[in-house]
Amino acid sequence: MDDYSLRPMEASDKTAVIDMMRGFYASEAVHSNGSEEVFSNDVDACVSDCPFASGYVFTREDGSICGYSMLAHSFSTEYGRPVIWIEDLFLEEDERGKGLGVMLFDMVKEKYPDHIHRLEVEETNLHAIRVYKKSGFTTLPYAGMIREPEHK
């Protein structure tokens, strides 16, 4: 693990992160396909002073990016506390299973100790579910629903 680090996302990371987002959003790990506009907006929010989003990149010892994560900041009336949503967690295939996800979860736990930590996972992504459970996440007993705004 000493060969890797996790740092805040920077504007100069945009191309590398969007390249990874394309693969992530085309995979079975994500329900929606995203779009170039969404990818660009997401990175822009993560590297700006937007209070709702923050982004991180995983880097190798040589400084090259091998993964990213995006967090969304909200509040839960169910728990009466702030919430950190781990929205995206992507690692290049050859970097998986090396403890980098745990590195992110440890950082979130340390940086946001009084927040509820939430994430979504496709039911078929059994490897990710095992990792999340080992990191202390539990399955919620209800399904999520969504309604998107109509575009005019």
C-alpha atoms as a PDB file:
ATOM      1  CA  MET A   1       0.000   0.000   0.000  1.00  0.00           C
ATOM      2  CA  ASP A   2       2.963   2.296   0.417  1.00  0.00           C
ATOM      3  CA  ASP A   3       3.171   2.411  -3.375  1.00  0.00           C
ATOM      4  CA  TYR A   4      -0.216   4.186  -3.555  1.00  0.00           C
ATOM      5  CA  SER A   5      -1.750   7.371  -2.260  1.00  0.00           C
ATOM      6  CA  LEU A   6      -5.123   9.073  -2.212  1.00  0.00           C
ATOM      7  CA  ARG A   7      -5.294  12.792  -2.828  1.00  0.00           C
ATOM      8  CA  PRO A   8      -7.950  15.418  -3.595  1.00  0.00           C
ATOM      9  CA  MET A   9      -8.889  15.633  -7.253  1.00  0.00           C
ATOM     10  CA  GLU A  10      -7.446  18.578  -9.179  1.00  0.00           C
ATOM     11  CA  ALA A  11      -8.582  20.286 -12.381  1.00  0.00           C
ATOM     12  CA  SER A  12      -5.550  18.815 -14.162  1.00  0.00           C
ATOM     13  CA  ASP A  13      -6.920  15.306 -13.436  1.00  0.00           C
ATOM     14  CA  LYS A  14     -10.076  15.899 -15.510  1.00  0.00           C
ATOM     15  CA  THR A  15      -9.043  14.029 -18.668  1.00  0.00           C
ATOM     16  CA  ALA A  16      -7.789  10.969 -16.785  1.00  0.00           C
ATOM     17  CA  VAL A  17     -10.848  10.845 -14.518  1.00  0.00           C
ATOM     18  CA  ILE A  18     -13.317  11.228 -17.389  1.00  0.00           C
ATOM     19  CA  ASP A  19     -11.557   8.401 -19.251  1.00  0.00           C
ATOM     20  CA  MET A  20     -12.110   6.177 -16.214  1.00  0.00           C
ATOM     21  CA  MET A  21     -15.708   7.391 -15.813  1.00  0.00           C
ATOM     22  CA  ARG A  22     -16.496   6.248 -19.348  1.00  0.00           C
ATOM     23  CA  GLY A  23     -15.421   2.716 -18.474  1.00  0.00           C
ATOM     24  CA  PHE A  24     -17.080   2.737 -15.062  1.00  0.00           C
ATOM     25  CA  TYR A  25     -20.429   3.982 -16.360  1.00  0.00           C
ATOM     26  CA  ALA A  26     -20.380   1.467 -19.228  1.00  0.00           C
ATOM     27  CA  SER A  27     -19.812  -1.417 -16.792  1.00  0.00           C
ATOM     28  CA  GLU A  28     -22.320  -3.578 -14.956  1.00  0.00           C
ATOM     29  CA  ALA A  29     -21.390  -1.767 -11.721  1.00  0.00           C
ATOM     30  CA  VAL A  30     -23.502   1.268 -12.656  1.00  0.00           C
ATOM     31  CA  HIS A  31     -27.159   1.374 -13.655  1.00  0.00           C
ATOM     32  CA  SER A  32     -27.008   4.569 -15.748  1.00  0.00           C
ATOM     33  CA  ASN A  33     -24.750   5.254 -18.711  1.00  0.00           C
ATOM     34  CA  GLY A  34     -23.802   8.829 -17.876  1.00  0.00           C
ATOM     35  CA  SER A  35     -22.792  11.267 -20.612  1.00  0.00           C
ATOM     36  CA  GLU A  36     -19.868  13.481 -21.481  1.00  0.00           C
ATOM     37  CA  GLU A  37     -21.802  16.443 -20.054  1.00  0.00           C
ATOM     38  CA  VAL A  38     -22.467  14.608 -16.780  1.00  0.00           C
ATOM     39  CA  PHE A  39     -18.839  13.459 -16.512  1.00  0.00           C
ATOM     40  CA  SER A  40     -17.544  16.978 -17.100  1.00  0.00           C
ATOM     41  CA  ASN A  41     -20.021  18.514 -14.645  1.00  0.00           C
ATOM     42  CA  ASP A  42     -19.122  15.935 -11.997  1.00  0.00           C
ATOM     43  CA  VAL A  43     -15.395  16.606 -12.196  1.00  0.00           C
ATOM     44  CA  ASP A  44     -15.960  20.369 -12.294  1.00  0.00           C
ATOM     45  CA  ALA A  45     -18.071  20.147  -9.118  1.00  0.00           C
ATOM     46  CA  CYS A  46     -15.420  18.032  -7.387  1.00  0.00           C
ATOM     47  CA  VAL A  47     -12.602  20.483  -8.077  1.00  0.00           C
ATOM     48  CA  SER A  48     -14.549  23.683  -7.421  1.00  0.00           C
ATOM     49  CA  ASP A  49     -15.905  25.140  -4.205  1.00  0.00           C
ATOM     50  CA  CYS A  50     -19.186  23.224  -4.672  1.00  0.00           C
ATOM     51  CA  PRO A  51     -20.404  22.293  -1.170  1.00  0.00           C
ATOM     52  CA  PHE A  52     -22.127  19.133  -2.431  1.00  0.00           C
ATOM     53  CA  ALA A  53     -19.258  17.223  -4.073  1.00  0.00           C
ATOM     54  CA  SER A  54     -15.648  16.295  -3.510  1.00  0.00           C
ATOM     55  CA  GLY A  55     -13.367  14.061  -5.514  1.00  0.00           C
ATOM     56  CA  TYR A  56     -10.252  12.014  -4.887  1.00  0.00           C
ATOM     57  CA  VAL A  57      -7.790  10.187  -7.081  1.00  0.00           C
ATOM     58  CA  PHE A  58      -5.720   7.122  -6.319  1.00  0.00           C
ATOM     59  CA  THR A  59      -2.144   7.464  -7.540  1.00  0.00           C
ATOM     60  CA  ARG A  60       0.750   5.096  -7.942  1.00  0.00           C
ATOM     61  CA  GLU A  61       4.205   5.835  -6.604  1.00  0.00           C
ATOM     62  CA  ASP A  62       5.121   7.436  -9.962  1.00  0.00           C
ATOM     63  CA  GLY A  63       2.157   9.844  -9.663  1.00  0.00           C
ATOM     64  CA  SER A  64       0.017   8.210 -12.361  1.00  0.00           C
ATOM     65  CA  ILE A  65      -3.695   7.974 -11.630  1.00  0.00           C
ATOM     66  CA  CYS A  66      -5.116   4.466 -11.237  1.00  0.00           C
ATOM     67  CA  GLY A  67      -8.578   5.227  -9.842  1.00  0.00           C
ATOM     68  CA  TYR A  68     -10.951   7.856  -8.547  1.00  0.00           C
ATOM     69  CA  SER A  69     -13.807   8.404  -6.147  1.00  0.00           C
ATOM     70  CA  MET A  70     -16.494  11.047  -5.880  1.00  0.00           C
ATOM     71  CA  LEU A  71     -18.345  11.889  -2.683  1.00  0.00           C
ATOM     72  CA  ALA A  72     -21.648  13.702  -2.346  1.00  0.00           C
ATOM     73  CA  HIS A  73     -22.492  15.665   0.790  1.00  0.00           C
ATOM     74  CA  SER A  74     -26.075  15.723   2.091  1.00  0.00           C
ATOM     75  CA  PHE A  75     -28.203  15.473   5.227  1.00  0.00           C
ATOM     76  CA  SER A  76     -30.409  12.599   6.400  1.00  0.00           C
ATOM     77  CA  THR A  77     -33.634  13.412   8.184  1.00  0.00           C
ATOM     78  CA  GLU A  78     -33.926   9.681   8.910  1.00  0.00           C
ATOM     79  CA  TYR A  79     -30.748   9.816  11.022  1.00  0.00           C
ATOM     80  CA  GLY A  80     -30.688  13.548  11.855  1.00  0.00           C
ATOM     81  CA  ARG A  81     -27.082  13.829  10.688  1.00  0.00           C
ATOM     82  CA  PRO A  82     -24.985  14.795   7.691  1.00  0.00           C
ATOM     83  CA  VAL A  83     -24.338  12.083   5.117  1.00  0.00           C
ATOM     84  CA  ILE A  84     -21.396  11.306   2.881  1.00  0.00           C
ATOM     85  CA  TRP A  85     -22.450   9.349  -0.181  1.00  0.00           C
ATOM     86  CA  ILE A  86     -19.654   7.420  -1.846  1.00  0.00           C
ATOM     87  CA  GLU A  87     -21.035   7.984  -5.328  1.00  0.00           C
ATOM     88  CA  ASP A  88     -18.236   6.604  -7.478  1.00  0.00           C
ATOM     89  CA  LEU A  89     -15.398   4.274  -6.604  1.00  0.00           C
ATOM     90  CA  PHE A  90     -13.414   3.080  -9.591  1.00  0.00           C
ATOM     91  CA  LEU A  91     -10.039   1.366  -9.757  1.00  0.00           C
ATOM     92  CA  GLU A  92      -8.261   0.159 -12.860  1.00  0.00           C
ATOM     93  CA  GLU A  93      -8.669  -3.596 -13.130  1.00  0.00           C
ATOM     94  CA  ASP A  94      -5.059  -4.484 -12.266  1.00  0.00           C
ATOM     95  CA  GLU A  95      -5.220  -2.293  -9.131  1.00  0.00           C
ATOM     96  CA  ARG A  96      -8.262  -4.015  -7.610  1.00  0.00           C
ATOM     97  CA  GLY A  97      -7.861  -6.226  -4.560  1.00  0.00           C
ATOM     98  CA  LYS A  98      -4.889  -4.238  -3.225  1.00  0.00           C
ATOM     99  CA  GLY A  99      -6.714  -2.468  -0.403  1.00  0.00           C
ATOM    100  CA  LEU A 100      -7.266   0.847  -2.181  1.00  0.00           C
ATOM    101  CA  GLY A 101     -11.008   0.820  -1.504  1.00  0.00           C
ATOM    102  CA  VAL A 102     -10.257   0.330   2.173  1.00  0.00           C
ATOM    103  CA  MET A 103      -7.865   3.302   1.936  1.00  0.00           C
ATOM    104  CA  LEU A 104     -10.798   5.426   0.760  1.00  0.00           C
ATOM    105  CA  PHE A 105     -13.165   4.106   3.446  1.00  0.00           C
ATOM    106  CA  ASP A 106     -10.560   4.785   6.142  1.00  0.00           C
ATOM    107  CA  MET A 107     -10.104   8.352   4.859  1.00  0.00           C
ATOM    108  CA  VAL A 108     -13.868   8.942   4.820  1.00  0.00           C
ATOM    109  CA  LYS A 109     -14.181   7.536   8.347  1.00  0.00           C
ATOM    110  CA  GLU A 110     -11.366   9.788   9.598  1.00  0.00           C
ATOM    111  CA  LYS A 111     -12.435  12.948   7.738  1.00  0.00           C
ATOM    112  CA  TYR A 112     -16.180  12.560   8.385  1.00  0.00           C
ATOM    113  CA  PRO A 113     -16.440  10.695  11.709  1.00  0.00           C
ATOM    114  CA  ASP A 114     -19.858  12.110  12.672  1.00  0.00           C
ATOM    115  CA  HIS A 115     -21.473  11.550   9.262  1.00  0.00           C
ATOM    116  CA  ILE A 116     -23.524   8.614   8.047  1.00  0.00           C
ATOM    117  CA  HIS A 117     -21.555   6.902   5.258  1.00  0.00           C
ATOM    118  CA  ARG A 118     -23.679   5.551   2.410  1.00  0.00           C
ATOM    119  CA  LEU A 119     -23.179   3.968  -0.969  1.00  0.00           C
ATOM    120  CA  GLU A 120     -25.092   2.066  -3.592  1.00  0.00           C
ATOM    121  CA  VAL A 121     -24.017  -1.177  -5.203  1.00  0.00           C
ATOM    122  CA  GLU A 122     -25.502  -3.365  -7.901  1.00  0.00           C
ATOM    123  CA  GLU A 123     -26.760  -6.606  -6.335  1.00  0.00           C
ATOM    124  CA  THR A 124     -24.741  -8.604  -8.876  1.00  0.00           C
ATOM    125  CA  ASN A 125     -21.430  -6.941  -7.889  1.00  0.00           C
ATOM    126  CA  LEU A 126     -20.590  -9.598  -5.309  1.00  0.00           C
ATOM    127  CA  HIS A 127     -16.897  -8.707  -4.979  1.00  0.00           C
ATOM    128  CA  ALA A 128     -17.727  -5.081  -4.161  1.00  0.00           C
ATOM    129  CA  ILE A 129     -20.394  -6.167  -1.674  1.00  0.00           C
ATOM    130  CA  ARG A 130     -17.837  -8.335   0.163  1.00  0.00           C
ATOM    131  CA  VAL A 131     -15.364  -5.415   0.314  1.00  0.00           C
ATOM    132  CA  TYR A 132     -18.045  -3.022   1.564  1.00  0.00           C
ATOM    133  CA  LYS A 133     -19.230  -5.434   4.251  1.00  0.00           C
ATOM    134  CA  LYS A 134     -15.639  -5.982   5.432  1.00  0.00           C
ATOM    135  CA  SER A 135     -15.403  -2.198   5.767  1.00  0.00           C
ATOM    136  CA  GLY A 136     -18.457  -2.052   8.032  1.00  0.00           C
ATOM    137  CA  PHE A 137     -21.264  -1.290   5.583  1.00  0.00           C
ATOM    138  CA  THR A 138     -24.571  -3.133   5.979  1.00  0.00           C
ATOM    139  CA  THR A 139     -27.366  -3.740   3.515  1.00  0.00           C
ATOM    140  CA  LEU A 140     -30.438  -1.548   3.869  1.00  0.00           C
ATOM    141  CA  PRO A 141     -33.840  -3.290   3.843  1.00  0.00           C
ATOM    142  CA  TYR A 142     -35.408  -1.105   1.161  1.00  0.00           C
ATOM    143  CA  ALA A 143     -34.942  -0.190  -2.472  1.00  0.00           C
ATOM    144  CA  GLY A 144     -34.036   3.227  -3.809  1.00  0.00           C
ATOM    145  CA  MET A 145     -36.223   5.062  -6.278  1.00  0.00           C
ATOM    146  CA  ILE A 146     -35.554   8.031  -8.525  1.00  0.00           C
ATOM    147  CA  ARG A 147     -37.422  10.656 -10.477  1.00  0.00           C
ATOM    148  CA  GLU A 148     -35.371  12.749 -12.829  1.00  0.00           C
ATOM    149  CA  PRO A 149     -36.372  16.268 -13.923  1.00  0.00           C
ATOM    150  CA  GLU A 150     -37.833  16.670 -17.370  1.00  0.00           C
ATOM    151  CA  HIS A 151     -35.477  18.409 -19.772  1.00  0.00           C
ATOM    152  CA  LYS A 152     -37.066  21.238 -21.723  1.00  0.00           C
END
